[in-house]
C-alpha atoms as a PDB file:
ATOM      1  CA  MET A   1      -0.059   0.098   0.026  1.00  0.00           C
ATOM      2  CA  PRO A   2       1.244   3.440  -0.749  1.00  0.00           C
ATOM      3  CA  ARG A   3       2.979   5.370   2.146  1.00  0.00           C
ATOM      4  CA  ARG A   4       1.215   8.520   3.260  1.00  0.00           C
ATOM      5  CA  PRO A   5       2.724   9.684   6.484  1.00  0.00           C
ATOM      6  CA  ILE A   6       3.093  13.296   5.395  1.00  0.00           C
ATOM      7  CA  LEU A   7      -0.543  13.506   4.425  1.00  0.00           C
ATOM      8  CA  ALA A   8      -1.501  12.062   7.835  1.00  0.00           C
ATOM      9  CA  VAL A   9       0.588  14.848   9.504  1.00  0.00           C
ATOM     10  CA  LEU A  10      -0.953  17.454   7.336  1.00  0.00           C
ATOM     11  CA  LEU A  11      -4.441  16.621   7.950  1.00  0.00           C
ATOM     12  CA  GLY A  12      -3.783  16.230  11.648  1.00  0.00           C
ATOM     13  CA  THR A  13      -5.494  12.887  11.615  1.00  0.00           C
ATOM     14  CA  VAL A  14      -4.603   9.224  12.176  1.00  0.00           C
ATOM     15  CA  LEU A  15      -4.870   6.705   9.410  1.00  0.00           C
ATOM     16  CA  ALA A  16      -5.870   3.183  10.217  1.00  0.00           C
ATOM     17  CA  LEU A  17      -2.380   2.135   9.069  1.00  0.00           C
ATOM     18  CA  ALA A  18       0.481   4.392   8.253  1.00  0.00           C
ATOM     19  CA  GLY A  19       0.263   3.152   4.557  1.00  0.00           C
ATOM     20  CA  CYS A  20      -3.454   3.477   4.089  1.00  0.00           C
ATOM     21  CA  SER A  21      -4.576   5.898   1.484  1.00  0.00           C
ATOM     22  CA  GLY A  22      -7.688   7.114   3.205  1.00  0.00           C
ATOM     23  CA  GLY A  23      -8.403  10.406   4.931  1.00  0.00           C
ATOM     24  CA  GLY A  24     -10.383  13.440   4.781  1.00  0.00           C
ATOM     25  CA  ASP A  25     -10.217  17.274   5.212  1.00  0.00           C
ATOM     26  CA  PRO A  26      -9.217  18.730   8.573  1.00  0.00           C
ATOM     27  CA  ALA A  27     -12.242  19.821  10.694  1.00  0.00           C
ATOM     28  CA  PRO A  28     -13.050  23.558  10.235  1.00  0.00           C
ATOM     29  CA  SER A  29     -11.082  25.667  12.704  1.00  0.00           C
ATOM     30  CA  ALA A  30     -13.063  27.366  15.357  1.00  0.00           C
ATOM     31  CA  GLY A  31     -10.888  30.382  15.005  1.00  0.00           C
ATOM     32  CA  PRO A  32      -8.410  30.262  17.926  1.00  0.00           C
ATOM     33  CA  SER A  33      -8.597  33.405  20.108  1.00  0.00           C
ATOM     34  CA  SER A  34      -7.577  34.377  23.535  1.00  0.00           C
ATOM     35  CA  SER A  35      -8.191  37.145  26.042  1.00  0.00           C
ATOM     36  CA  ALA A  36      -5.454  38.315  28.345  1.00  0.00           C
ATOM     37  CA  ALA A  37      -2.852  40.839  29.098  1.00  0.00           C
ATOM     38  CA  ASP A  38       0.675  39.657  28.139  1.00  0.00           C
ATOM     39  CA  GLY A  39       1.668  37.025  30.756  1.00  0.00           C
ATOM     40  CA  ALA A  40      -1.324  37.555  32.881  1.00  0.00           C
ATOM     41  CA  PHE A  41      -3.129  34.507  34.464  1.00  0.00           C
ATOM     42  CA  PRO A  42      -5.765  33.180  34.507  1.00  0.00           C
ATOM     43  CA  VAL A  43      -6.284  33.427  30.819  1.00  0.00           C
ATOM     44  CA  THR A  44      -9.052  32.161  28.705  1.00  0.00           C
ATOM     45  CA  VAL A  45      -8.105  30.848  25.207  1.00  0.00           C
ATOM     46  CA  THR A  46     -10.450  29.419  22.607  1.00  0.00           C
ATOM     47  CA  GLY A  47      -9.569  26.457  20.513  1.00  0.00           C
ATOM     48  CA  ASP A  48     -11.425  24.246  18.098  1.00  0.00           C
ATOM     49  CA  THR A  49     -13.852  22.991  20.756  1.00  0.00           C
ATOM     50  CA  GLY A  50     -14.430  26.092  22.628  1.00  0.00           C
ATOM     51  CA  GLU A  51     -12.939  27.985  25.531  1.00  0.00           C
ATOM     52  CA  LEU A  52     -10.348  26.850  28.007  1.00  0.00           C
ATOM     53  CA  THR A  53      -9.428  28.759  31.142  1.00  0.00           C
ATOM     54  CA  LEU A  54      -6.011  28.254  32.530  1.00  0.00           C
ATOM     55  CA  GLU A  55      -5.517  29.428  36.039  1.00  0.00           C
ATOM     56  CA  ALA A  56      -1.711  29.604  36.014  1.00  0.00           C
ATOM     57  CA  GLU A  57       1.032  29.569  33.441  1.00  0.00           C
ATOM     58  CA  PRO A  58       1.581  25.953  32.326  1.00  0.00           C
ATOM     59  CA  GLU A  59       4.793  24.493  33.365  1.00  0.00           C
ATOM     60  CA  ARG A  60       4.476  20.935  32.149  1.00  0.00           C
ATOM     61  CA  ILE A  61       3.092  20.973  28.588  1.00  0.00           C
ATOM     62  CA  VAL A  62       2.747  17.935  26.399  1.00  0.00           C
ATOM     63  CA  SER A  63       2.460  18.723  22.643  1.00  0.00           C
ATOM     64  CA  MET A  64       0.611  16.173  20.575  1.00  0.00           C
ATOM     65  CA  SER A  65       1.029  18.299  17.444  1.00  0.00           C
ATOM     66  CA  ALA A  66       4.043  18.810  15.468  1.00  0.00           C
ATOM     67  CA  SER A  67       2.987  22.259  14.252  1.00  0.00           C
ATOM     68  CA  ALA A  68       2.287  23.203  17.769  1.00  0.00           C
ATOM     69  CA  THR A  69       5.632  21.956  19.025  1.00  0.00           C
ATOM     70  CA  GLU A  70       7.523  24.007  16.453  1.00  0.00           C
ATOM     71  CA  THR A  71       5.432  27.220  17.513  1.00  0.00           C
ATOM     72  CA  LEU A  72       5.916  26.527  21.317  1.00  0.00           C
ATOM     73  CA  PHE A  73       9.751  26.529  20.818  1.00  0.00           C
ATOM     74  CA  ALA A  74       9.720  29.433  18.482  1.00  0.00           C
ATOM     75  CA  ILE A  75       7.894  31.595  21.091  1.00  0.00           C
ATOM     76  CA  ASP A  76      10.261  30.487  23.900  1.00  0.00           C
ATOM     77  CA  ALA A  77       7.945  28.272  25.533  1.00  0.00           C
ATOM     78  CA  GLY A  78      10.211  25.225  24.867  1.00  0.00           C
ATOM     79  CA  ASP A  79      11.261  25.167  28.627  1.00  0.00           C
ATOM     80  CA  GLN A  80       7.735  24.497  29.586  1.00  0.00           C
ATOM     81  CA  VAL A  81       7.415  21.458  27.065  1.00  0.00           C
ATOM     82  CA  VAL A  82       8.131  18.174  28.882  1.00  0.00           C
ATOM     83  CA  ALA A  83       7.019  15.629  26.091  1.00  0.00           C
ATOM     84  CA  VAL A  84       6.182  15.777  22.439  1.00  0.00           C
ATOM     85  CA  ASP A  85       4.433  13.054  20.262  1.00  0.00           C
ATOM     86  CA  SER A  86       6.293  10.993  17.668  1.00  0.00           C
ATOM     87  CA  THR A  87       5.746  13.412  14.652  1.00  0.00           C
ATOM     88  CA  SER A  88       7.376  16.350  16.662  1.00  0.00           C
ATOM     89  CA  THR A  89      10.793  16.037  15.005  1.00  0.00           C
ATOM     90  CA  TYR A  90      11.645  19.661  15.027  1.00  0.00           C
ATOM     91  CA  PRO A  91      13.354  21.421  16.719  1.00  0.00           C
ATOM     92  CA  ALA A  92      16.244  19.235  17.799  1.00  0.00           C
ATOM     93  CA  GLU A  93      15.840  20.313  21.425  1.00  0.00           C
ATOM     94  CA  ALA A  94      12.226  19.046  21.611  1.00  0.00           C
ATOM     95  CA  PRO A  95      11.967  16.312  24.297  1.00  0.00           C
ATOM     96  CA  VAL A  96      11.839  12.981  22.355  1.00  0.00           C
ATOM     97  CA  THR A  97       9.352  10.468  23.838  1.00  0.00           C
ATOM     98  CA  ASP A  98       7.696   7.272  22.577  1.00  0.00           C
ATOM     99  CA  LEU A  99       4.205   8.994  22.684  1.00  0.00           C
ATOM    100  CA  SER A 100       2.508   7.771  19.568  1.00  0.00           C
ATOM    101  CA  ALA A 101       0.679  10.418  17.224  1.00  0.00           C
ATOM    102  CA  PHE A 102      -1.257   7.588  15.693  1.00  0.00           C
ATOM    103  CA  THR A 103      -2.431   5.782  18.693  1.00  0.00           C
ATOM    104  CA  PRO A 104      -2.388   8.159  21.592  1.00  0.00           C
ATOM    105  CA  ASN A 105      -2.807   6.908  25.001  1.00  0.00           C
ATOM    106  CA  ALA A 106      -4.260   9.210  27.666  1.00  0.00           C
ATOM    107  CA  GLU A 107      -2.595   7.331  30.551  1.00  0.00           C
ATOM    108  CA  ALA A 108       0.869   7.543  28.805  1.00  0.00           C
ATOM    109  CA  ILE A 109       0.321  11.299  28.410  1.00  0.00           C
ATOM    110  CA  ALA A 110      -0.818  11.725  31.956  1.00  0.00           C
ATOM    111  CA  GLY A 111       2.473  10.007  33.182  1.00  0.00           C
ATOM    112  CA  TYR A 112       4.257  13.210  32.369  1.00  0.00           C
ATOM    113  CA  GLU A 113       2.003  15.071  34.825  1.00  0.00           C
ATOM    114  CA  PRO A 114       1.010  17.734  32.235  1.00  0.00           C
ATOM    115  CA  ASP A 115      -0.840  20.921  33.233  1.00  0.00           C
ATOM    116  CA  LEU A 116      -1.666  21.537  29.521  1.00  0.00           C
ATOM    117  CA  VAL A 117      -1.989  19.070  26.587  1.00  0.00           C
ATOM    118  CA  VAL A 118      -1.995  20.600  23.076  1.00  0.00           C
ATOM    119  CA  ILE A 119      -3.589  18.397  20.374  1.00  0.00           C
ATOM    120  CA  SER A 120      -4.360  18.873  16.578  1.00  0.00           C
ATOM    121  CA  ASP A 121      -6.989  16.073  16.320  1.00  0.00           C
ATOM    122  CA  ASP A 122      -9.157  14.343  18.776  1.00  0.00           C
ATOM    123  CA  VAL A 123      -8.078  10.832  18.043  1.00  0.00           C
ATOM    124  CA  ASP A 124     -10.044   8.009  19.638  1.00  0.00           C
ATOM    125  CA  GLY A 125     -11.648  10.424  22.222  1.00  0.00           C
ATOM    126  CA  LEU A 126      -8.332  11.615  23.536  1.00  0.00           C
ATOM    127  CA  ALA A 127      -9.524  14.848  24.676  1.00  0.00           C
ATOM    128  CA  ALA A 128     -12.425  13.391  26.621  1.00  0.00           C
ATOM    129  CA  ASN A 129     -10.026  10.764  28.298  1.00  0.00           C
ATOM    130  CA  LEU A 130      -7.698  13.497  29.249  1.00  0.00           C
ATOM    131  CA  ASP A 131     -10.532  15.548  30.632  1.00  0.00           C
ATOM    132  CA  THR A 132     -11.573  12.597  32.745  1.00  0.00           C
ATOM    133  CA  LEU A 133      -8.133  12.732  34.245  1.00  0.00           C
ATOM    134  CA  GLY A 134      -8.341  16.336  35.035  1.00  0.00           C
ATOM    135  CA  ILE A 135      -5.951  17.492  32.377  1.00  0.00           C
ATOM    136  CA  PRO A 136      -6.505  20.682  30.426  1.00  0.00           C
ATOM    137  CA  VAL A 137      -6.646  20.199  26.580  1.00  0.00           C
ATOM    138  CA  LEU A 138      -6.256  22.811  23.904  1.00  0.00           C
ATOM    139  CA  GLN A 139      -7.168  21.547  20.397  1.00  0.00           C
ATOM    140  CA  LEU A 140      -5.717  23.568  17.466  1.00  0.00           C
ATOM    141  CA  GLY A 141      -6.650  21.564  14.391  1.00  0.00           C
ATOM    142  CA  ALA A 142      -5.038  21.900  10.965  1.00  0.00           C
ATOM    143  CA  ALA A 143      -4.976  25.375   9.690  1.00  0.00           C
ATOM    144  CA  GLU A 144      -7.119  25.992   6.639  1.00  0.00           C
ATOM    145  CA  GLN A 145      -5.459  29.369   5.741  1.00  0.00           C
ATOM    146  CA  LEU A 146      -2.418  31.334   6.611  1.00  0.00           C
ATOM    147  CA  ASP A 147      -4.370  33.454   8.926  1.00  0.00           C
ATOM    148  CA  ASP A 148      -5.476  30.446  10.807  1.00  0.00           C
ATOM    149  CA  ALA A 149      -1.716  29.469  11.389  1.00  0.00           C
ATOM    150  CA  TYR A 150      -1.056  33.015  12.683  1.00  0.00           C
ATOM    151  CA  ALA A 151      -3.962  32.834  14.985  1.00  0.00           C
ATOM    152  CA  GLN A 152      -2.637  29.560  16.489  1.00  0.00           C
ATOM    153  CA  MET A 153       0.512  31.150  17.136  1.00  0.00           C
ATOM    154  CA  THR A 154      -1.223  33.942  19.100  1.00  0.00           C
ATOM    155  CA  THR A 155      -3.288  31.428  21.039  1.00  0.00           C
ATOM    156  CA  LEU A 156      -0.358  29.475  22.020  1.00  0.00           C
ATOM    157  CA  GLY A 157       1.405  32.709  23.115  1.00  0.00           C
ATOM    158  CA  ASP A 158      -1.515  33.538  25.425  1.00  0.00           C
ATOM    159  CA  ALA A 159      -1.867  29.926  26.721  1.00  0.00           C
ATOM    160  CA  THR A 160       1.834  29.894  27.743  1.00  0.00           C
ATOM    161  CA  GLY A 161       2.512  33.411  28.918  1.00  0.00           C
ATOM    162  CA  HIS A 162       4.584  34.305  25.745  1.00  0.00           C
ATOM    163  CA  ARG A 163       1.984  36.651  23.934  1.00  0.00           C
ATOM    164  CA  ALA A 164       4.705  39.130  23.065  1.00  0.00           C
ATOM    165  CA  GLU A 165       6.982  36.496  21.579  1.00  0.00           C
ATOM    166  CA  ALA A 166       3.985  35.117  19.663  1.00  0.00           C
ATOM    167  CA  ASP A 167       3.141  38.519  18.244  1.00  0.00           C
ATOM    168  CA  ASP A 168       6.941  38.901  17.112  1.00  0.00           C
ATOM    169  CA  LEU A 169       6.671  35.433  15.609  1.00  0.00           C
ATOM    170  CA  VAL A 170       3.716  36.182  13.564  1.00  0.00           C
ATOM    171  CA  GLN A 171       5.050  39.550  12.412  1.00  0.00           C
ATOM    172  CA  THR A 172       8.564  37.860  11.557  1.00  0.00           C
ATOM    173  CA  THR A 173       6.799  35.142   9.598  1.00  0.00           C
ATOM    174  CA  GLN A 174       4.617  37.470   7.795  1.00  0.00           C
ATOM    175  CA  ASP A 175       7.472  39.771   6.964  1.00  0.00           C
ATOM    176  CA  ARG A 176       9.527  36.850   5.608  1.00  0.00           C
ATOM    177  CA  ILE A 177       6.833  35.699   3.485  1.00  0.00           C
ATOM    178  CA  ASP A 178       6.131  39.096   2.045  1.00  0.00           C
ATOM    179  CA  ALA A 179       9.857  39.526   1.393  1.00  0.00           C
ATOM    180  CA  ALA A 180       9.907  36.091  -0.475  1.00  0.00           C
ATOM    181  CA  VAL A 181       6.943  37.185  -2.566  1.00  0.00           C
ATOM    182  CA  ALA A 182       8.441  40.489  -3.443  1.00  0.00           C
ATOM    183  CA  ALA A 183      11.805  38.876  -4.325  1.00  0.00           C
ATOM    184  CA  ALA A 184      10.150  36.626  -6.860  1.00  0.00           C
ATOM    185  CA  GLY A 185       9.071  39.865  -8.794  1.00  0.00           C
ATOM    186  CA  GLY A 186       6.029  38.442 -10.097  1.00  0.00           C
ATOM    187  CA  ALA A 187       7.626  35.501 -11.689  1.00  0.00           C
ATOM    188  CA  GLY A 188       4.826  33.292 -10.609  1.00  0.00           C
ATOM    189  CA  GLU A 189       2.091  35.185 -12.396  1.00  0.00           C
ATOM    190  CA  GLY A 190       0.501  33.131 -14.957  1.00  0.00           C
ATOM    191  CA  LEU A 191       2.297  29.902 -14.029  1.00  0.00           C
ATOM    192  CA  SER A 192       0.620  26.800 -12.533  1.00  0.00           C
ATOM    193  CA  VAL A 193       1.775  24.641  -9.640  1.00  0.00           C
ATOM    194  CA  TYR A 194       1.373  21.147  -8.476  1.00  0.00           C
ATOM    195  CA  HIS A 195       2.081  20.285  -4.854  1.00  0.00           C
ATOM    196  CA  GLU A 196       2.707  16.582  -4.403  1.00  0.00           C
ATOM    197  CA  LEU A 197       1.989  15.070  -0.944  1.00  0.00           C
ATOM    198  CA  ASP A 198       2.890  11.571  -2.176  1.00  0.00           C
ATOM    199  CA  PRO A 199       3.746   9.651  -5.327  1.00  0.00           C
ATOM    200  CA  THR A 200       0.108   8.466  -5.639  1.00  0.00           C
ATOM    201  CA  GLY A 201      -1.077  11.990  -6.488  1.00  0.00           C
ATOM    202  CA  TYR A 202      -2.478  13.362  -3.193  1.00  0.00           C
ATOM    203  CA  THR A 203      -2.154  17.022  -3.343  1.00  0.00           C
ATOM    204  CA  ALA A 204      -3.406  20.423  -1.836  1.00  0.00           C
ATOM    205  CA  THR A 205      -5.690  22.888  -3.410  1.00  0.00           C
ATOM    206  CA  SER A 206      -5.778  26.654  -3.047  1.00  0.00           C
ATOM    207  CA  SER A 207      -8.310  26.227  -0.186  1.00  0.00           C
ATOM    208  CA  THR A 208      -5.520  24.916   2.068  1.00  0.00           C
ATOM    209  CA  PHE A 209      -2.966  26.933   4.020  1.00  0.00           C
ATOM    210  CA  VAL A 210      -0.227  25.834   1.749  1.00  0.00           C
ATOM    211  CA  GLY A 211      -2.226  26.350  -1.344  1.00  0.00           C
ATOM    212  CA  GLY A 212      -2.780  29.898  -0.069  1.00  0.00           C
ATOM    213  CA  LEU A 213       0.864  30.462   0.001  1.00  0.00           C
ATOM    214  CA  TYR A 214       1.057  29.603  -3.631  1.00  0.00           C
ATOM    215  CA  THR A 215      -1.633  32.129  -4.365  1.00  0.00           C
ATOM    216  CA  LEU A 216       0.440  34.769  -2.951  1.00  0.00           C
ATOM    217  CA  PHE A 217       3.043  34.113  -5.687  1.00  0.00           C
ATOM    218  CA  GLY A 218       0.234  34.464  -8.446  1.00  0.00           C
ATOM    219  CA  LEU A 219       0.394  30.758  -9.078  1.00  0.00           C
ATOM    220  CA  THR A 220      -2.624  28.874 -10.251  1.00  0.00           C
ATOM    221  CA  ASN A 221      -3.150  25.535  -8.614  1.00  0.00           C
ATOM    222  CA  VAL A 222      -3.704  22.572 -11.017  1.00  0.00           C
ATOM    223  CA  ALA A 223      -5.680  20.667  -8.375  1.00  0.00           C
ATOM    224  CA  ASP A 224      -8.314  23.374  -7.846  1.00  0.00           C
ATOM    225  CA  ALA A 225     -10.573  21.810 -10.678  1.00  0.00           C
ATOM    226  CA  ALA A 226     -10.475  18.590  -9.088  1.00  0.00           C
ATOM    227  CA  GLY A 227     -10.704  19.540  -5.302  1.00  0.00           C
ATOM    228  CA  GLN A 228     -14.368  20.800  -5.154  1.00  0.00           C
ATOM    229  CA  ASP A 229     -15.168  18.359  -2.306  1.00  0.00           C
ATOM    230  CA  THR A 230     -11.923  18.283  -0.554  1.00  0.00           C
ATOM    231  CA  GLY A 231      -8.784  20.446  -0.128  1.00  0.00           C
ATOM    232  CA  TYR A 232      -6.627  17.502  -0.557  1.00  0.00           C
ATOM    233  CA  PRO A 233      -7.894  15.619  -3.601  1.00  0.00           C
ATOM    234  CA  GLN A 234      -5.931  12.485  -5.344  1.00  0.00           C
ATOM    235  CA  LEU A 235      -4.997  13.290  -8.973  1.00  0.00           C
ATOM    236  CA  SER A 236      -4.149  10.619 -11.557  1.00  0.00           C
ATOM    237  CA  ALA A 237      -0.877  10.703 -13.218  1.00  0.00           C
ATOM    238  CA  GLU A 238      -2.596  11.415 -16.450  1.00  0.00           C
ATOM    239  CA  TYR A 239      -4.338  14.384 -14.804  1.00  0.00           C
ATOM    240  CA  VAL A 240      -1.010  15.836 -13.760  1.00  0.00           C
ATOM    241  CA  VAL A 241       0.419  15.347 -17.163  1.00  0.00           C
ATOM    242  CA  ASP A 242      -2.477  16.971 -18.924  1.00  0.00           C
ATOM    243  CA  ALA A 243      -2.397  19.827 -16.554  1.00  0.00           C
ATOM    244  CA  ALA A 244       1.289  20.394 -17.361  1.00  0.00           C
ATOM    245  CA  PRO A 245       2.365  22.340 -14.347  1.00  0.00           C
ATOM    246  CA  ASP A 246       4.969  24.927 -14.624  1.00  0.00           C
ATOM    247  CA  VAL A 247       6.092  24.398 -11.094  1.00  0.00           C
ATOM    248  CA  VAL A 248       6.169  21.255  -9.053  1.00  0.00           C
ATOM    249  CA  VAL A 249       6.780  21.166  -5.275  1.00  0.00           C
ATOM    250  CA  LEU A 250       7.541  17.697  -3.884  1.00  0.00           C
ATOM    251  CA  ALA A 251       6.483  17.324  -0.332  1.00  0.00           C
ATOM    252  CA  ASP A 252       7.425  13.612  -0.406  1.00  0.00           C
ATOM    253  CA  THR A 253      11.131  13.650  -0.480  1.00  0.00           C
ATOM    254  CA  VAL A 254      11.754  12.154   3.013  1.00  0.00           C
ATOM    255  CA  CYS A 255       8.871   9.798   3.265  1.00  0.00           C
ATOM    256  CA  CYS A 256       8.849   8.437  -0.307  1.00  0.00           C
ATOM    257  CA  ALA A 257      12.501   9.256  -1.570  1.00  0.00           C
ATOM    258  CA  GLN A 258      11.142  11.495  -4.418  1.00  0.00           C
ATOM    259  CA  ASP A 259      13.322  14.153  -6.214  1.00  0.00           C
ATOM    260  CA  ALA A 260      13.484  15.859  -9.626  1.00  0.00           C
ATOM    261  CA  ALA A 261      14.945  12.626 -11.036  1.00  0.00           C
ATOM    262  CA  THR A 262      12.281  10.209  -9.844  1.00  0.00           C
ATOM    263  CA  LEU A 263       9.570  12.723 -11.058  1.00  0.00           C
ATOM    264  CA  ALA A 264      11.042  12.909 -14.387  1.00  0.00           C
ATOM    265  CA  ALA A 265      11.315   9.149 -14.580  1.00  0.00           C
ATOM    266  CA  ARG A 266       7.610   8.666 -14.419  1.00  0.00           C
ATOM    267  CA  PRO A 267       5.773   7.974 -17.702  1.00  0.00           C
ATOM    268  CA  ALA A 268       5.281  11.250 -19.652  1.00  0.00           C
ATOM    269  CA  PHE A 269       6.385  13.288 -16.682  1.00  0.00           C
ATOM    270  CA  ASP A 270       9.549  14.395 -18.542  1.00  0.00           C
ATOM    271  CA  THR A 271       7.276  16.445 -20.669  1.00  0.00           C
ATOM    272  CA  LEU A 272       6.087  18.639 -17.865  1.00  0.00           C
ATOM    273  CA  PRO A 273       7.120  22.246 -18.242  1.00  0.00           C
ATOM    274  CA  ALA A 274       8.385  22.196 -14.546  1.00  0.00           C
ATOM    275  CA  VAL A 275      10.717  19.228 -15.285  1.00  0.00           C
ATOM    276  CA  GLN A 276      11.935  20.843 -18.571  1.00  0.00           C
ATOM    277  CA  THR A 277      12.666  24.311 -16.875  1.00  0.00           C
ATOM    278  CA  GLY A 278      14.027  22.969 -13.804  1.00  0.00           C
ATOM    279  CA  ARG A 279      11.387  24.380 -11.683  1.00  0.00           C
ATOM    280  CA  VAL A 280      11.052  21.381  -9.374  1.00  0.00           C
ATOM    281  CA  LEU A 281      11.325  22.071  -5.687  1.00  0.00           C
ATOM    282  CA  ALA A 282      12.341  19.000  -3.605  1.00  0.00           C
ATOM    283  CA  ALA A 283      11.056  20.285  -0.307  1.00  0.00           C
ATOM    284  CA  ASP A 284      11.405  18.850   3.237  1.00  0.00           C
ATOM    285  CA  ASP A 285       8.229  16.988   4.034  1.00  0.00           C
ATOM    286  CA  ASP A 286       7.712  18.522   7.305  1.00  0.00           C
ATOM    287  CA  ILE A 287       8.419  22.163   6.088  1.00  0.00           C
ATOM    288  CA  ALA A 288       5.949  21.753   3.320  1.00  0.00           C
ATOM    289  CA  SER A 289       3.193  20.219   5.379  1.00  0.00           C
ATOM    290  CA  ARG A 290       3.182  21.964   8.777  1.00  0.00           C
ATOM    291  CA  TRP A 291       1.369  25.227   9.579  1.00  0.00           C
ATOM    292  CA  GLY A 292       3.935  26.439  11.947  1.00  0.00           C
ATOM    293  CA  PRO A 293       6.697  29.150  11.742  1.00  0.00           C
ATOM    294  CA  ARG A 294       8.618  27.214   9.119  1.00  0.00           C
ATOM    295  CA  ILE A 295       6.015  28.178   6.387  1.00  0.00           C
ATOM    296  CA  ALA A 296       8.169  31.050   5.896  1.00  0.00           C
ATOM    297  CA  ASP A 297      11.111  28.766   4.897  1.00  0.00           C
ATOM    298  CA  LEU A 298       8.877  27.247   2.311  1.00  0.00           C
ATOM    299  CA  ALA A 299       7.992  30.589   0.949  1.00  0.00           C
ATOM    300  CA  GLU A 300      11.597  31.564   0.528  1.00  0.00           C
ATOM    301  CA  GLN A 301      12.287  28.093  -1.240  1.00  0.00           C
ATOM    302  CA  VAL A 302       9.366  28.727  -3.598  1.00  0.00           C
ATOM    303  CA  SER A 303      10.743  32.246  -4.353  1.00  0.00           C
ATOM    304  CA  GLN A 304      14.159  30.921  -5.216  1.00  0.00           C
ATOM    305  CA  THR A 305      12.575  28.155  -7.410  1.00  0.00           C
ATOM    306  CA  LEU A 306      10.671  30.874  -9.409  1.00  0.00           C
ATOM    307  CA  GLN A 307      13.673  33.020  -9.681  1.00  0.00           C
ATOM    308  CA  GLY A 308      15.674  30.224 -11.291  1.00  0.00           C
END
């Protein structure tokens, strides 16, 4: 069966098996928000399932979301993180554990004595199980747009007592993306893009956070016509060849060992304008799939690809 671990991380959901090809869209975000003066507690934050009031600054956070883990460390809340899930591979200083992202266990999480658990998806009733144990849970699902990613950064800042750092992170991320778009000088206008999540054709449309990034560069997404019912449709090889994308972003370089050479070796893929002009970006799977601060890294890589 085809491997799709990156799609699983992107959607923030657990597949029946790591190699399954099922899955759906991320649940609509409730629009994370918060209300507190910087660093003041108690604080009330709003995640996907409603409001959560934290009486004191969390000191033992467990992150079951790779994107949240990256954000927590980026806003200087890393010292408060005592454990992360198996997909939280960045940054290097994140505390490595054997907590499974695919089959999360409330009792195992409770063993770290957390005063806050951050999740992206409520797998197997994890939130209710943690609630039964008296552990506060903040659910921040997959961002649907870039603004959702920024909102989650702000929410995590308030939840951890690092609002000022979160505001700085949002501004820095936005500034880097704006600079990357400006550096491209309109080179993406009139060009099309195909974002590959795995070699079986799973992709992302403009209705997703990563698709929204491509829109900033003026790129047209070849998947949009096929993704009317989902932001992550599966395209046939024939569809991709017929669409003739001018730019290809491979988000399956780590999971599936894809690169410009393997792409060109597929039947008829050597005819793609992206292959012929060298506009194939072999991106790090995590950078191209997570809605954390490294989305700016992807923007800069896309800009460089467009500039040639």
